[in-house]
């Protein structure tokens, strides 16, 4: 089983068709029978970020009120069923502060990367394969790679 950490920019692509959506859906939906082939994790903060992204699209008149409500409902349900939600505890925040001082990251992006790095360290300590960080943000992907984490940007896939 492969492990992936999705930041909110990558998660949104699962729900709204744009560049990279097909690739994201392949990773998230990959199954053998009833078993998922890929583990998907994200920060609990992604819940607020994804809902904010849907709401922004609605306010910009890119999606209807009904679609916004449906997307939020589906995402909240899927998030509990499909994703492992990781809390932004004091260790995550401390790591994010360190990352901000090394890379040109926004605060929430640093929290996303810190969460992924901590999860990756736990996987490696348990002798499991490392995870892949997935983000549609080039700066964040570069920071992840600089920190030794494999990173993929769904915008590079049609």
Protein backbone atom coordinates (compact mmCIF):
# COMPACT_ATOMS: atom_id res chain seq x y z
CA UNK A 1 0.00 0.00 0.00
CA UNK A 2 1.29 3.45 -0.92
CA UNK A 3 0.73 6.41 1.40
CA UNK A 4 -0.12 9.89 0.19
CA UNK A 5 -0.51 13.16 2.06
CA UNK A 6 -2.86 15.56 0.27
CA UNK A 7 -2.91 19.25 1.08
CA UNK A 8 -6.15 21.15 0.51
CA UNK A 9 -5.19 22.35 -3.00
CA UNK A 10 -4.90 18.72 -4.09
CA UNK A 11 -8.07 17.62 -2.27
CA UNK A 12 -10.16 20.27 -4.02
CA UNK A 13 -9.21 18.71 -7.36
CA UNK A 14 -11.03 15.53 -6.37
CA UNK A 15 -14.31 17.47 -6.24
CA UNK A 16 -13.97 20.22 -8.84
CA UNK A 17 -12.87 19.33 -12.36
CA UNK A 18 -9.65 21.10 -13.28
CA UNK A 19 -6.13 20.20 -14.37
CA UNK A 20 -4.98 17.24 -12.32
CA UNK A 21 -8.43 16.02 -11.30
CA UNK A 22 -8.19 12.76 -13.23
CA UNK A 23 -4.78 11.95 -11.70
CA UNK A 24 -6.02 12.74 -8.15
CA UNK A 25 -9.09 10.55 -8.63
CA UNK A 26 -6.95 7.64 -9.82
CA UNK A 27 -4.85 7.83 -6.64
CA UNK A 28 -7.76 8.28 -4.24
CA UNK A 29 -10.17 5.78 -5.82
CA UNK A 30 -7.69 2.97 -6.54
CA UNK A 31 -9.08 -0.29 -5.09
CA UNK A 32 -8.68 -4.01 -5.24
CA UNK A 33 -12.08 -5.36 -4.31
CA UNK A 34 -13.10 -3.61 -1.09
CA UNK A 35 -9.53 -2.64 -0.17
CA UNK A 36 -8.01 0.76 -0.90
CA UNK A 37 -4.63 0.50 -2.59
CA UNK A 38 -3.50 3.91 -1.32
CA UNK A 39 -3.69 5.43 2.13
CA UNK A 40 -4.73 9.10 2.08
CA UNK A 41 -3.94 11.49 4.92
CA UNK A 42 -4.34 15.23 5.46
CA UNK A 43 -4.38 17.79 8.24
CA UNK A 44 -7.61 18.42 10.10
CA UNK A 45 -7.09 22.04 9.00
CA UNK A 46 -7.73 20.90 5.44
CA UNK A 47 -11.40 20.60 6.33
CA UNK A 48 -11.64 24.37 6.80
CA UNK A 49 -9.41 25.08 3.82
CA UNK A 50 -11.40 22.90 1.41
CA UNK A 51 -14.74 24.31 2.57
CA UNK A 52 -13.25 27.79 2.14
CA UNK A 53 -12.18 26.91 -1.41
CA UNK A 54 -15.68 25.72 -2.30
CA UNK A 55 -17.20 28.84 -0.74
CA UNK A 56 -14.78 31.11 -2.60
CA UNK A 57 -15.72 29.43 -5.89
CA UNK A 58 -19.38 30.07 -5.06
CA UNK A 59 -18.79 33.71 -4.14
CA UNK A 60 -16.90 34.17 -7.41
CA UNK A 61 -19.96 32.71 -9.16
CA UNK A 62 -17.98 29.74 -10.50
CA UNK A 63 -20.32 27.22 -8.84
CA UNK A 64 -23.97 27.40 -7.79
CA UNK A 65 -25.30 27.49 -4.25
CA UNK A 66 -26.63 23.96 -4.66
CA UNK A 67 -23.34 22.62 -5.97
CA UNK A 68 -21.43 24.31 -3.15
CA UNK A 69 -23.68 22.67 -0.57
CA UNK A 70 -23.40 19.28 -2.27
CA UNK A 71 -19.61 19.52 -2.51
CA UNK A 72 -19.26 20.47 1.16
CA UNK A 73 -21.57 17.65 2.24
CA UNK A 74 -19.76 15.10 0.10
CA UNK A 75 -16.32 16.28 1.21
CA UNK A 76 -17.24 16.14 4.91
CA UNK A 77 -18.58 12.61 4.46
CA UNK A 78 -15.62 11.46 2.36
CA UNK A 79 -13.14 13.05 4.74
CA UNK A 80 -14.35 10.87 7.59
CA UNK A 81 -14.55 7.73 5.45
CA UNK A 82 -11.54 7.98 3.17
CA UNK A 83 -8.93 10.25 4.74
CA UNK A 84 -6.93 9.96 7.90
CA UNK A 85 -7.28 13.40 9.49
CA UNK A 86 -4.23 14.41 11.52
CA UNK A 87 -4.45 17.05 14.24
CA UNK A 88 -2.37 20.21 14.21
CA UNK A 89 -0.91 19.80 17.70
CA UNK A 90 1.96 21.71 19.30
CA UNK A 91 4.57 19.47 17.64
CA UNK A 92 3.09 20.26 14.23
CA UNK A 93 3.03 24.00 14.99
CA UNK A 94 6.64 23.96 16.26
CA UNK A 95 7.73 22.13 13.12
CA UNK A 96 5.77 24.57 10.95
CA UNK A 97 7.54 27.52 12.61
CA UNK A 98 10.89 25.93 11.74
CA UNK A 99 9.78 25.33 8.14
CA UNK A 100 8.64 28.95 7.76
CA UNK A 101 12.14 30.06 8.69
CA UNK A 102 13.70 27.83 6.00
CA UNK A 103 11.22 28.20 3.14
CA UNK A 104 8.94 30.94 1.70
CA UNK A 105 5.74 29.31 3.01
CA UNK A 106 2.42 30.67 4.16
CA UNK A 107 1.42 29.57 7.65
CA UNK A 108 -1.20 26.97 6.65
CA UNK A 109 1.13 25.57 3.98
CA UNK A 110 3.83 25.14 6.61
CA UNK A 111 1.32 23.34 8.85
CA UNK A 112 0.44 21.01 5.97
CA UNK A 113 4.08 20.22 5.29
CA UNK A 114 4.90 19.82 8.99
CA UNK A 115 2.03 17.36 9.39
CA UNK A 116 3.25 15.35 6.40
CA UNK A 117 6.84 15.30 7.64
CA UNK A 118 5.81 14.08 11.08
CA UNK A 119 3.62 11.36 9.54
CA UNK A 120 6.42 10.36 7.20
CA UNK A 121 8.85 10.03 10.12
CA UNK A 122 6.35 7.79 11.92
CA UNK A 123 5.93 5.60 8.83
CA UNK A 124 9.67 5.21 8.43
CA UNK A 125 10.09 4.45 12.15
CA UNK A 126 7.52 1.65 11.72
CA UNK A 127 9.55 0.38 8.73
CA UNK A 128 6.80 1.32 6.28
CA UNK A 129 7.37 2.96 2.89
CA UNK A 130 7.62 6.77 2.94
CA UNK A 131 4.65 8.81 1.88
CA UNK A 132 4.34 11.10 -1.11
CA UNK A 133 3.29 14.71 -0.53
CA UNK A 134 0.65 15.93 -3.01
CA UNK A 135 0.03 19.64 -3.52
CA UNK A 136 -0.96 21.90 -6.41
CA UNK A 137 1.43 24.54 -5.03
CA UNK A 138 4.88 24.61 -6.64
CA UNK A 139 6.50 26.46 -3.73
CA UNK A 140 5.13 23.94 -1.26
CA UNK A 141 6.26 21.00 -3.42
CA UNK A 142 9.76 22.49 -3.64
CA UNK A 143 9.86 22.89 0.15
CA UNK A 144 8.69 19.29 0.62
CA UNK A 145 11.43 18.02 -1.68
CA UNK A 146 14.03 20.18 0.07
CA UNK A 147 12.95 18.53 3.33
CA UNK A 148 13.50 15.09 1.78
CA UNK A 149 9.88 14.25 1.07
CA UNK A 150 8.83 13.01 -2.39
CA UNK A 151 6.28 15.47 -3.79
CA UNK A 152 3.88 15.47 -6.71
CA UNK A 153 1.94 18.36 -8.18
CA UNK A 154 -1.34 17.22 -9.78
CA UNK A 155 -1.16 20.21 -12.14
CA UNK A 156 1.60 18.33 -13.97
CA UNK A 157 -0.87 15.59 -14.94
CA UNK A 158 -3.76 15.86 -17.37
